[in-house]
Amino acid sequence: MCVVEIQPGPPRPSASCTTLVAPGMEVRTDTEAIVGIRRKTIEMLLQHHPLDCPYCDQSGTCELQDETFSLNIWKSPFETVSKAYPEENLNEVVMINHNRCILCYRCVRVCDEQMGVHALDVSDRGGRSFIVTAQHKFMDCERCGMCIEVCPVGAVLSRPFKHVARAWQTVQADSTCPHCSVGCKIQVESRKGEVLRVRVGEPVEPNRGIVCVKGFFGWSFVNDDERITSPMIRRAGELVEVGWREAIEFISDRLTAVAEMEGPETIGAVGSGRCTNEDNYALQRLMRSVVGTNNVYLGPNGFAATHQVISSTLGSEAVFHSQDELLDSDVALVIGADINGTHNVLAAHLKAAARKGGPKLIAATRIGTALDVFAHKSVRVRPGAESKLLAAIAGEEIADPETTVGVSGNDIAAIRDALENAEKSAIVWDTGLWTAGRVADIAGAACNVALSTGKTKLFPLPEKGNLAGAVQGGMDPAALPGPAAIDDTAARARLGEFWGALPPTEPGTGLDEFLYGGRMKALYVMGEDVIATAKDPAAAKDAMDEASLVIVQDIFMNSTASVADVVLPGATFAEKSGHFINFEGRACPVTKSNPTLGDSREDWEIPARIAAQMGADFGYRESSDLWSEINEVAKPAELSGSMTAASVNGTVPPPGGDYPFALVTETNLYTAGSSARHGPVLADLYPAQVEINEGDAETLAIEDGQTVEVTSAGGAVTASAKLSRFVPAGVVYLADSLPEVPVRELGRSAPDATPVSLRKVED
C-alpha cells in the first residue's frame, strides 16, 4: 500500500517506507498505476477478510474499511475464502479474531520494538501465517493494550470494550493520563456521561503514541457506583446528604468562627498530586488570602523534599530536564524502584533507546525488572542501601560493599567509570513510598554523583500525576506558588496584586506538628487520605475528632472521610479541565470529557465558592481563569545552588533474628493509587498478593496461591503468595496502594526495607 513511483529510479514501483530520499528525486504517490496496485492489494486482503463490519468493534475506525471505500472497491474479483478460526482470549483484557487479521504484524512489532515485551509472534509462513503468543498459550504480558491500539482492523480486540459501542457513538476528548508523572496524552471516549474506553492520543511528546496498562485500562473507577455524588454534613453522628448552598454556608460559617476564636494558624489544608494545578492553587489561595494561614500541605510524598534538596544543592534549573536529554544520554542509571512499573512508558522509551544503541542502561534496583534484559549492567541493591550505593559511586569509601549495599566493589567501580567517562549521563529514580524516611539521603547522594562527574543530570520522577504541579501551585507551608520563598518580595507583590491581600509572612508549621501538636482546630483535605497515610493513624484520628471542623473533598469515601464533619464530592480527571505538570516540567492539559457525576463539582470550584461565601470572590468562572493567573503569579525562584556535596547518612540496618526478610514496596505496574482499585480491570489484573522468591518459598514450604502472613515489629498483613523469579532471596515484595493489604501496617512512616517474617497460614 505504500508503493510510489520514483524518477529517476527503477522502472518498477518502490516501497516508500524503505527508500532513502535523494537530491533531485521526484516522487509520485497517486498515479493511475499506483492506485491500481493498491486496489489489487486491498482486493486480495478482502479475499480472506470476513464482511462482518456491523458486528465488528473496529467498524468506524477500521483502516481497511477506510481504504476500501477511498479506492471505490465495492466487490472483490476473487472468491471469498473464509478462515473460520474461533475467537481466542489471549489474556484477561486482550482477545484475537484470526479471521479478520491481515498479517500486517503491527501488534508483534509494537510489543517488541516499542514496549520491549515481545509477547506476540508469528507462527508459520506464507498464507498459513497467524499471530500467536510468544511463549505459551496465555499471553502473560504487561496488558498495555498497544496491540489493540495499533491493529488496523478488528483482529486484536479489547475484551472490556467488546460490543460496548461504535466509534461514532462516542464523544472523544484529548486529555492527560492521571496515573503517573509521565503525562501521557490520551483520548477519552464517552457516551451519555460514562467513560467507555481510553485510547492513545496523537503520537506527540511525552508518550509518543504509546500508553501502559494504567492509561489504557485504568479508567473504570470513573464510573464506579461507590463514587461520592452529593455534599454531606455530619448530624447526630451520621453523614446526611445536603445541597451545595447549605454545605458552603456551613463551611464558611465554621471556618470564620474558628479563625476568629482560635486564630488562622489553627486551620490547615492538604492538597494532592492527584488534583490539577488549578485545584491546588485555588485551595491554597483560600487558605492564604481569605483564612490567613500558610498551613498548606501535600500528602506524604517524596517529590517535594527531593525538589528542595536538588534546588538547594544544584540549583533550580537542575530539577527538570526533557525526556530527550535522558534518551540522548550516553549512560542512564536507574536506581531503587522498578520504573517499568512506576513509570512504564518512560521505561519503554528507555528500553527502545538502549536497544537502538542509545544510552547504556544500568539498572541498580532492589528486585528484578523488565529493564534488566536491555541493561548494559544490572545489579541488585540491598533494600535501604540505595543512598549508600550512590555515595559509593560518588567516591565515598565503603568497607565490605557487598554486605553493606549488596553490590560488589568491582560493580560499583564499573558504574562509577561508566558515569565519569560518559559525555552525557543521567540518574533516574521514582520518588514514591519506597523513599520514605530516606528521601533527602537519596536525593543528596544523587546530587553528589552529579557534582563528582560534573555532567550527570538528575531525573527524579514524581510518584503521582501532578505532584510537580501541586508544588508549583503553592501547596507548601514554607513556599509560595512558583515555588518562591515566603519572604520573596516580588512574589508577594504579584500575589497581592491578584489576590487583593498579601499572604501571611510567617511560614506554616510542618504537617506532623500541625496534626499531632494539639494546635489543629480545622482541616480541609482534598484528594488525600490523611489518616491512612499518617505515621500514627490513631493519633491523627483523635486530632480530627477533637477538631472543630474537618472537611474532606474526594471522589470515594476513605478513613479520613469517615470521621469528617463535611464530605464534598470532587471530580475525576475525566470530569474536569486543567493541567498536570509532568516529570519534565511540561504542562499537560486535562480536558473535561464527561459532565460531573451527580452533584459533584470540579475541585477548584469548591474552594472558590467557599471563598466567595466568605466575602472574597476570586472571579473564577472557568479553569482557564486560574491557569492564566498561575502563569502570571507562580514564578519559580531562580536558585543557584550551594554546589557542595550533601551529607548522606547510613543505610537501613539489615534484617535478621525474628525478622529475616527485607520488605520491598513500590508502585506496581497494575497499581495506581487507591482510587484505581475501585475499577474492576486493574484490580482484577493484580489481586492483593505477596511476591516471594521461589527458593524462599521452597524452604518455607509455601506454594503459589497459598495464604501467607507477613509480620513486622509494627504489625502484620495477610494475603496470597505469588512465587516470582524477579524477587531476590531474602526479600518480600508487597505493592503499595493496595487497600486490601495496607503495607503501612508493617511500617507506618517508612515501610520499605522494614525487617519482616513470613509464614504460611494453615487452613
Foldseek 3Di string as FASTA:
>chain_A
DQWWDKPPDDPDTDRPVPDDDDPPIDIGGDDPVNLVVLQLVLLVLQLQADPPLVQFQCNPQAPSVVSCVVSVPDHHPDHRDYPPDDKADQEDWKIFDFSHASPPCPLQCCVCQQQVWRQKDWPDDDPPITIAGDPDSHRPTQQQCVSVQPRNHRGMHTPQLRPVDHPVQWDWDWFFQWFFQQTFIKIFTDHPQATRWIAHDDLDPPLRGGGGNCRTPLPQLQVFPQWDFAKWFADPRDTDGDHPVVQLLVVLVLLVVCCVPQNLLQEAEEEEQSAFLLLLLLVCCLSFQQSFALRFAYADWLVVVLCVLCCQAAWNVQQFADLVLALQWQAEEEEEDACCQQPVSSLSSNLSSLVVVHHQYEYAYQWFYSCPVSHPYYFHWAQQCRLVLLLVLLPDDDPPCCVFTVDDPVVSVVVSCSLLPIQAYEYEYEGGQQCFPPSSSNSLSNLSSCLSNVHYGYQYITRTHAPVSSVQSQRAQQAGRLGHGLPPPVLQVLCCVLQVGGGDSDGRDDPVCSQQVLSHQEYEYEADDNLLQDQHNVSNLVSQLNHNFYEYEETHDDPSNSSGRMYAYEHHLQAAWHWGQHSNRDTTIRDHRGHGRNNHDHSSVSSQSSSVSNPRRSPDDGSVVSVVSSVRNSHHDTGNHPNDRDDRDGGDDAADDPQQAFEAEERGNLARAQSSCSRPPSCVVDPFEKEAEPVVCVVQVADFQFKKWKAAPQAIWIDTYHHDNGRDHRYIYGYDRHPNTHQCSRPNRRSGRGRIDMHTDDD
